[in-house]
């Protein structure tokens, strides 16, 4: 799987703004990296589309969680 369920480097001591920046960066990078595969390789391997959908869902959840930041 391209993206991990967990964001490395975050602890309970991580300042909120830093956690938001790191989380959104990681989640959106995965979306960026998977988009070309889903667009150009979906016929060959539909798993790329599935992984992009998972990445988009996780990115959306991160945006919702950190909306107030």
PDB file of N, CA and C in Angstrom:
ATOM      1  N   UNK A   1       0.851  -1.176   0.000  1.00  0.00           N
ATOM      2  CA  UNK A   1       0.000   0.000   0.000  1.00  0.00           C
ATOM      3  C   UNK A   1       0.893   1.234   0.000  1.00  0.00           C
ATOM      4  N   UNK A   2       0.497   2.221  -0.728  1.00  0.00           N
ATOM      5  CA  UNK A   2       1.316   3.422  -0.909  1.00  0.00           C
ATOM      6  C   UNK A   2       1.409   4.267   0.349  1.00  0.00           C
ATOM      7  N   UNK A   3       0.311   4.539   0.986  1.00  0.00           N
ATOM      8  CA  UNK A   3       0.309   5.380   2.171  1.00  0.00           C
ATOM      9  C   UNK A   3       0.075   4.536   3.402  1.00  0.00           C
ATOM     10  N   UNK A   4       0.614   4.989   4.502  1.00  0.00           N
ATOM     11  CA  UNK A   4       0.434   4.271   5.751  1.00  0.00           C
ATOM     12  C   UNK A   4      -0.763   4.828   6.508  1.00  0.00           C
ATOM     13  N   UNK A   5      -1.336   3.983   7.300  1.00  0.00           N
ATOM     14  CA  UNK A   5      -2.450   4.406   8.138  1.00  0.00           C
ATOM     15  C   UNK A   5      -1.984   5.435   9.173  1.00  0.00           C
ATOM     16  N   UNK A   6      -0.720   5.338   9.590  1.00  0.00           N
ATOM     17  CA  UNK A   6      -0.186   6.193  10.644  1.00  0.00           C
ATOM     18  C   UNK A   6       0.793   7.199  10.072  1.00  0.00           C
ATOM     19  N   UNK A   7       0.883   8.337  10.721  1.00  0.00           N
ATOM     20  CA  UNK A   7       1.820   9.389  10.326  1.00  0.00           C
ATOM     21  C   UNK A   7       3.037   9.286  11.243  1.00  0.00           C
ATOM     22  N   UNK A   8       4.186   8.983  10.666  1.00  0.00           N
ATOM     23  CA  UNK A   8       5.405   8.854  11.465  1.00  0.00           C
ATOM     24  C   UNK A   8       5.870  10.213  11.967  1.00  0.00           C
ATOM     25  N   UNK A   9       6.487  10.202  13.125  1.00  0.00           N
ATOM     26  CA  UNK A   9       7.085  11.410  13.665  1.00  0.00           C
ATOM     27  C   UNK A   9       6.163  12.258  14.514  1.00  0.00           C
ATOM     28  N   UNK A  10       4.929  11.851  14.693  1.00  0.00           N
ATOM     29  CA  UNK A  10       4.015  12.615  15.547  1.00  0.00           C
ATOM     30  C   UNK A  10       3.959  11.990  16.930  1.00  0.00           C
ATOM     31  N   UNK A  11       3.960  12.831  17.939  1.00  0.00           N
ATOM     32  CA  UNK A  11       3.806  12.370  19.316  1.00  0.00           C
ATOM     33  C   UNK A  11       2.773  13.251  20.001  1.00  0.00           C
ATOM     34  N   UNK A  12       2.463  12.915  21.218  1.00  0.00           N
ATOM     35  CA  UNK A  12       1.518  13.744  21.976  1.00  0.00           C
ATOM     36  C   UNK A  12       2.106  15.120  22.286  1.00  0.00           C
ATOM     37  N   UNK A  13       3.426  15.245  22.171  1.00  0.00           N
ATOM     38  CA  UNK A  13       4.074  16.535  22.437  1.00  0.00           C
ATOM     39  C   UNK A  13       4.209  17.400  21.184  1.00  0.00           C
ATOM     40  N   UNK A  14       3.836  16.883  20.026  1.00  0.00           N
ATOM     41  CA  UNK A  14       3.932  17.654  18.787  1.00  0.00           C
ATOM     42  C   UNK A  14       2.942  18.807  18.833  1.00  0.00           C
ATOM     43  N   UNK A  15       3.399  20.031  18.623  1.00  0.00           N
ATOM     44  CA  UNK A  15       2.460  21.163  18.589  1.00  0.00           C
ATOM     45  C   UNK A  15       1.395  20.961  17.502  1.00  0.00           C
ATOM     46  N   UNK A  16       0.211  21.426  17.786  1.00  0.00           N
ATOM     47  CA  UNK A  16      -0.923  21.203  16.891  1.00  0.00           C
ATOM     48  C   UNK A  16      -0.658  21.687  15.464  1.00  0.00           C
ATOM     49  N   UNK A  17      -0.119  22.879  15.314  1.00  0.00           N
ATOM     50  CA  UNK A  17       0.146  23.405  13.970  1.00  0.00           C
ATOM     51  C   UNK A  17       1.157  22.535  13.227  1.00  0.00           C
ATOM     52  N   UNK A  18       2.161  22.034  13.929  1.00  0.00           N
ATOM     53  CA  UNK A  18       3.148  21.148  13.305  1.00  0.00           C
ATOM     54  C   UNK A  18       2.513  19.816  12.911  1.00  0.00           C
ATOM     55  N   UNK A  19       1.664  19.289  13.770  1.00  0.00           N
ATOM     56  CA  UNK A  19       0.975  18.035  13.475  1.00  0.00           C
ATOM     57  C   UNK A  19       0.070  18.191  12.255  1.00  0.00           C
ATOM     58  N   UNK A  20      -0.642  19.316  12.187  1.00  0.00           N
ATOM     59  CA  UNK A  20      -1.518  19.577  11.039  1.00  0.00           C
ATOM     60  C   UNK A  20      -0.696  19.680   9.763  1.00  0.00           C
ATOM     61  N   UNK A  21       0.383  20.442   9.806  1.00  0.00           N
ATOM     62  CA  UNK A  21       1.245  20.624   8.633  1.00  0.00           C
ATOM     63  C   UNK A  21       1.812  19.277   8.163  1.00  0.00           C
ATOM     64  N   UNK A  22       2.321  18.496   9.084  1.00  0.00           N
ATOM     65  CA  UNK A  22       2.919  17.195   8.739  1.00  0.00           C
ATOM     66  C   UNK A  22       1.859  16.245   8.197  1.00  0.00           C
ATOM     67  N   UNK A  23       0.729  16.156   8.860  1.00  0.00           N
ATOM     68  CA  UNK A  23      -0.324  15.234   8.450  1.00  0.00           C
ATOM     69  C   UNK A  23      -0.864  15.587   7.065  1.00  0.00           C
ATOM     70  N   UNK A  24      -1.189  16.854   6.858  1.00  0.00           N
ATOM     71  CA  UNK A  24      -1.721  17.259   5.556  1.00  0.00           C
ATOM     72  C   UNK A  24      -0.689  17.077   4.453  1.00  0.00           C
ATOM     73  N   UNK A  25       0.553  17.358   4.753  1.00  0.00           N
ATOM     74  CA  UNK A  25       1.611  17.175   3.763  1.00  0.00           C
ATOM     75  C   UNK A  25       1.726  15.713   3.347  1.00  0.00           C
ATOM     76  N   UNK A  26       1.774  14.820   4.319  1.00  0.00           N
ATOM     77  CA  UNK A  26       1.894  13.386   4.021  1.00  0.00           C
ATOM     78  C   UNK A  26       0.683  12.897   3.241  1.00  0.00           C
ATOM     79  N   UNK A  27      -0.508  13.256   3.711  1.00  0.00           N
ATOM     80  CA  UNK A  27      -1.731  12.765   3.056  1.00  0.00           C
ATOM     81  C   UNK A  27      -1.854  13.283   1.615  1.00  0.00           C
ATOM     82  N   UNK A  28      -1.540  14.552   1.392  1.00  0.00           N
ATOM     83  CA  UNK A  28      -1.673  15.111   0.048  1.00  0.00           C
ATOM     84  C   UNK A  28      -0.553  14.643  -0.880  1.00  0.00           C
ATOM     85  N   UNK A  29       0.616  14.341  -0.353  1.00  0.00           N
ATOM     86  CA  UNK A  29       1.688  13.783  -1.176  1.00  0.00           C
ATOM     87  C   UNK A  29       1.293  12.410  -1.723  1.00  0.00           C
ATOM     88  N   UNK A  30       0.634  11.605  -0.903  1.00  0.00           N
ATOM     89  CA  UNK A  30       0.187  10.289  -1.358  1.00  0.00           C
ATOM     90  C   UNK A  30      -0.840  10.442  -2.484  1.00  0.00           C
ATOM     91  N   UNK A  31      -1.774  11.377  -2.326  1.00  0.00           N
ATOM     92  CA  UNK A  31      -2.752  11.635  -3.390  1.00  0.00           C
ATOM     93  C   UNK A  31      -2.027  12.064  -4.667  1.00  0.00           C
ATOM     94  N   UNK A  32      -1.077  12.979  -4.534  1.00  0.00           N
ATOM     95  CA  UNK A  32      -0.302  13.450  -5.691  1.00  0.00           C
ATOM     96  C   UNK A  32       0.420  12.300  -6.383  1.00  0.00           C
ATOM     97  N   UNK A  33       1.022  11.419  -5.613  1.00  0.00           N
ATOM     98  CA  UNK A  33       1.799  10.325  -6.191  1.00  0.00           C
ATOM     99  C   UNK A  33       0.921   9.257  -6.843  1.00  0.00           C
ATOM    100  N   UNK A  34      -0.260   9.034  -6.305  1.00  0.00           N
ATOM    101  CA  UNK A  34      -1.128   7.978  -6.831  1.00  0.00           C
ATOM    102  C   UNK A  34      -1.988   8.423  -8.009  1.00  0.00           C
ATOM    103  N   UNK A  35      -2.233   9.710  -8.150  1.00  0.00           N
ATOM    104  CA  UNK A  35      -3.117  10.190  -9.213  1.00  0.00           C
ATOM    105  C   UNK A  35      -2.665   9.757 -10.608  1.00  0.00           C
ATOM    106  N   UNK A  36      -1.398   9.931 -10.984  1.00  0.00           N
ATOM    107  CA  UNK A  36      -0.996   9.497 -12.333  1.00  0.00           C
ATOM    108  C   UNK A  36      -1.172   7.995 -12.555  1.00  0.00           C
ATOM    109  N   UNK A  37      -0.919   7.205 -11.522  1.00  0.00           N
ATOM    110  CA  UNK A  37      -1.098   5.757 -11.662  1.00  0.00           C
ATOM    111  C   UNK A  37      -2.566   5.414 -11.893  1.00  0.00           C
ATOM    112  N   UNK A  38      -3.440   6.048 -11.141  1.00  0.00           N
ATOM    113  CA  UNK A  38      -4.871   5.772 -11.292  1.00  0.00           C
ATOM    114  C   UNK A  38      -5.379   6.227 -12.656  1.00  0.00           C
ATOM    115  N   UNK A  39      -4.839   7.310 -13.167  1.00  0.00           N
ATOM    116  CA  UNK A  39      -5.277   7.833 -14.460  1.00  0.00           C
ATOM    117  C   UNK A  39      -4.736   6.997 -15.616  1.00  0.00           C
ATOM    118  N   UNK A  40      -3.457   6.659 -15.557  1.00  0.00           N
ATOM    119  CA  UNK A  40      -2.806   6.034 -16.707  1.00  0.00           C
ATOM    120  C   UNK A  40      -2.670   4.522 -16.624  1.00  0.00           C
ATOM    121  N   UNK A  41      -2.805   3.945 -15.439  1.00  0.00           N
ATOM    122  CA  UNK A  41      -2.578   2.508 -15.276  1.00  0.00           C
ATOM    123  C   UNK A  41      -3.799   1.746 -14.767  1.00  0.00           C
ATOM    124  N   UNK A  42      -4.940   2.390 -14.701  1.00  0.00           N
ATOM    125  CA  UNK A  42      -6.135   1.753 -14.137  1.00  0.00           C
ATOM    126  C   UNK A  42      -6.564   0.526 -14.924  1.00  0.00           C
ATOM    127  N   UNK A  43      -6.407   0.552 -16.233  1.00  0.00           N
ATOM    128  CA  UNK A  43      -6.791  -0.603 -17.055  1.00  0.00           C
ATOM    129  C   UNK A  43      -5.935  -1.818 -16.718  1.00  0.00           C
ATOM    130  N   UNK A  44      -4.662  -1.567 -16.493  1.00  0.00           N
ATOM    131  CA  UNK A  44      -3.728  -2.650 -16.196  1.00  0.00           C
ATOM    132  C   UNK A  44      -3.883  -3.162 -14.760  1.00  0.00           C
ATOM    133  N   UNK A  45      -4.104  -2.240 -13.822  1.00  0.00           N
ATOM    134  CA  UNK A  45      -4.223  -2.627 -12.415  1.00  0.00           C
ATOM    135  C   UNK A  45      -5.210  -1.698 -11.702  1.00  0.00           C
ATOM    136  N   UNK A  46      -6.444  -2.149 -11.519  1.00  0.00           N
ATOM    137  CA  UNK A  46      -7.454  -1.299 -10.870  1.00  0.00           C
ATOM    138  C   UNK A  46      -7.147  -1.006  -9.400  1.00  0.00           C
ATOM    139  N   UNK A  47      -6.174  -1.698  -8.823  1.00  0.00           N
ATOM    140  CA  UNK A  47      -5.783  -1.426  -7.438  1.00  0.00           C
ATOM    141  C   UNK A  47      -5.304   0.019  -7.268  1.00  0.00           C
ATOM    142  N   UNK A  48      -4.751   0.598  -8.334  1.00  0.00           N
ATOM    143  CA  UNK A  48      -4.309   1.990  -8.275  1.00  0.00           C
ATOM    144  C   UNK A  48      -5.482   2.918  -7.967  1.00  0.00           C
ATOM    145  N   UNK A  49      -6.623   2.646  -8.559  1.00  0.00           N
ATOM    146  CA  UNK A  49      -7.811   3.471  -8.309  1.00  0.00           C
ATOM    147  C   UNK A  49      -8.273   3.295  -6.862  1.00  0.00           C
ATOM    148  N   UNK A  50      -8.259   2.065  -6.402  1.00  0.00           N
ATOM    149  CA  UNK A  50      -8.653   1.812  -5.014  1.00  0.00           C
ATOM    150  C   UNK A  50      -7.735   2.552  -4.047  1.00  0.00           C
ATOM    151  N   UNK A  51      -6.427   2.458  -4.271  1.00  0.00           N
ATOM    152  CA  UNK A  51      -5.476   3.118  -3.376  1.00  0.00           C
ATOM    153  C   UNK A  51      -5.638   4.640  -3.417  1.00  0.00           C
ATOM    154  N   UNK A  52      -5.946   5.191  -4.587  1.00  0.00           N
ATOM    155  CA  UNK A  52      -6.196   6.633  -4.677  1.00  0.00           C
ATOM    156  C   UNK A  52      -7.440   7.008  -3.885  1.00  0.00           C
ATOM    157  N   UNK A  53      -8.467   6.203  -3.968  1.00  0.00           N
ATOM    158  CA  UNK A  53      -9.690   6.485  -3.202  1.00  0.00           C
ATOM    159  C   UNK A  53      -9.413   6.472  -1.705  1.00  0.00           C
ATOM    160  N   UNK A  54      -8.616   5.505  -1.251  1.00  0.00           N
ATOM    161  CA  UNK A  54      -8.246   5.438   0.168  1.00  0.00           C
ATOM    162  C   UNK A  54      -7.459   6.688   0.555  1.00  0.00           C
ATOM    163  N   UNK A  55      -6.503   7.075  -0.295  1.00  0.00           N
ATOM    164  CA  UNK A  55      -5.678   8.257  -0.013  1.00  0.00           C
ATOM    165  C   UNK A  55      -6.527   9.521   0.041  1.00  0.00           C
ATOM    166  N   UNK A  56      -7.483   9.648  -0.858  1.00  0.00           N
ATOM    167  CA  UNK A  56      -8.370  10.823  -0.864  1.00  0.00           C
ATOM    168  C   UNK A  56      -9.235  10.846   0.392  1.00  0.00           C
ATOM    169  N   UNK A  57      -9.732   9.686   0.794  1.00  0.00           N
ATOM    170  CA  UNK A  57     -10.540   9.621   2.010  1.00  0.00           C
ATOM    171  C   UNK A  57      -9.713  10.042   3.229  1.00  0.00           C
ATOM    172  N   UNK A  58      -8.482   9.560   3.314  1.00  0.00           N
ATOM    173  CA  UNK A  58      -7.615   9.919   4.441  1.00  0.00           C
ATOM    174  C   UNK A  58      -7.258  11.406   4.415  1.00  0.00           C
ATOM    175  N   UNK A  59      -7.001  11.939   3.240  1.00  0.00           N
ATOM    176  CA  UNK A  59      -6.689  13.368   3.122  1.00  0.00           C
ATOM    177  C   UNK A  59      -7.901  14.203   3.543  1.00  0.00           C
ATOM    178  N   UNK A  60      -9.079  13.801   3.121  1.00  0.00           N
ATOM    179  CA  UNK A  60     -10.300  14.511   3.507  1.00  0.00           C
ATOM    180  C   UNK A  60     -10.526  14.473   5.008  1.00  0.00           C
ATOM    181  N   UNK A  61     -10.241  13.333   5.621  1.00  0.00           N
ATOM    182  CA  UNK A  61     -10.380  13.220   7.077  1.00  0.00           C
ATOM    183  C   UNK A  61      -9.395  14.152   7.782  1.00  0.00           C
ATOM    184  N   UNK A  62      -8.181  14.241   7.251  1.00  0.00           N
ATOM    185  CA  UNK A  62      -7.180  15.138   7.845  1.00  0.00           C
ATOM    186  C   UNK A  62      -7.624  16.591   7.744  1.00  0.00           C
ATOM    187  N   UNK A  63      -8.168  16.961   6.601  1.00  0.00           N
ATOM    188  CA  UNK A  63      -8.669  18.341   6.433  1.00  0.00           C
ATOM    189  C   UNK A  63      -9.780  18.612   7.440  1.00  0.00           C
ATOM    190  N   UNK A  64     -10.683  17.663   7.610  1.00  0.00           N
ATOM    191  CA  UNK A  64     -11.787  17.842   8.568  1.00  0.00           C
ATOM    192  C   UNK A  64     -11.274  17.981   9.990  1.00  0.00           C
ATOM    193  N   UNK A  65     -10.315  17.131  10.351  1.00  0.00           N
ATOM    194  CA  UNK A  65      -9.785  17.143  11.710  1.00  0.00           C
ATOM    195  C   UNK A  65      -9.090  18.466  12.031  1.00  0.00           C
ATOM    196  N   UNK A  66      -8.320  18.971  11.052  1.00  0.00           N
ATOM    197  CA  UNK A  66      -7.528  20.171  11.300  1.00  0.00           C
ATOM    198  C   UNK A  66      -8.170  21.438  10.742  1.00  0.00           C
ATOM    199  N   UNK A  67      -9.428  21.393  10.396  1.00  0.00           N
ATOM    200  CA  UNK A  67     -10.117  22.545   9.805  1.00  0.00           C
ATOM    201  C   UNK A  67      -9.969  23.804  10.645  1.00  0.00           C
ATOM    202  N   UNK A  68     -10.052  23.678  11.942  1.00  0.00           N
ATOM    203  CA  UNK A  68      -9.978  24.835  12.829  1.00  0.00           C
ATOM    204  C   UNK A  68      -8.580  25.472  12.863  1.00  0.00           C
ATOM    205  N   UNK A  69      -7.592  24.733  12.405  1.00  0.00           N
ATOM    206  CA  UNK A  69      -6.210  25.267  12.413  1.00  0.00           C
ATOM    207  C   UNK A  69      -6.009  26.201  11.242  1.00  0.00           C
TER     208      UNK A  69
END
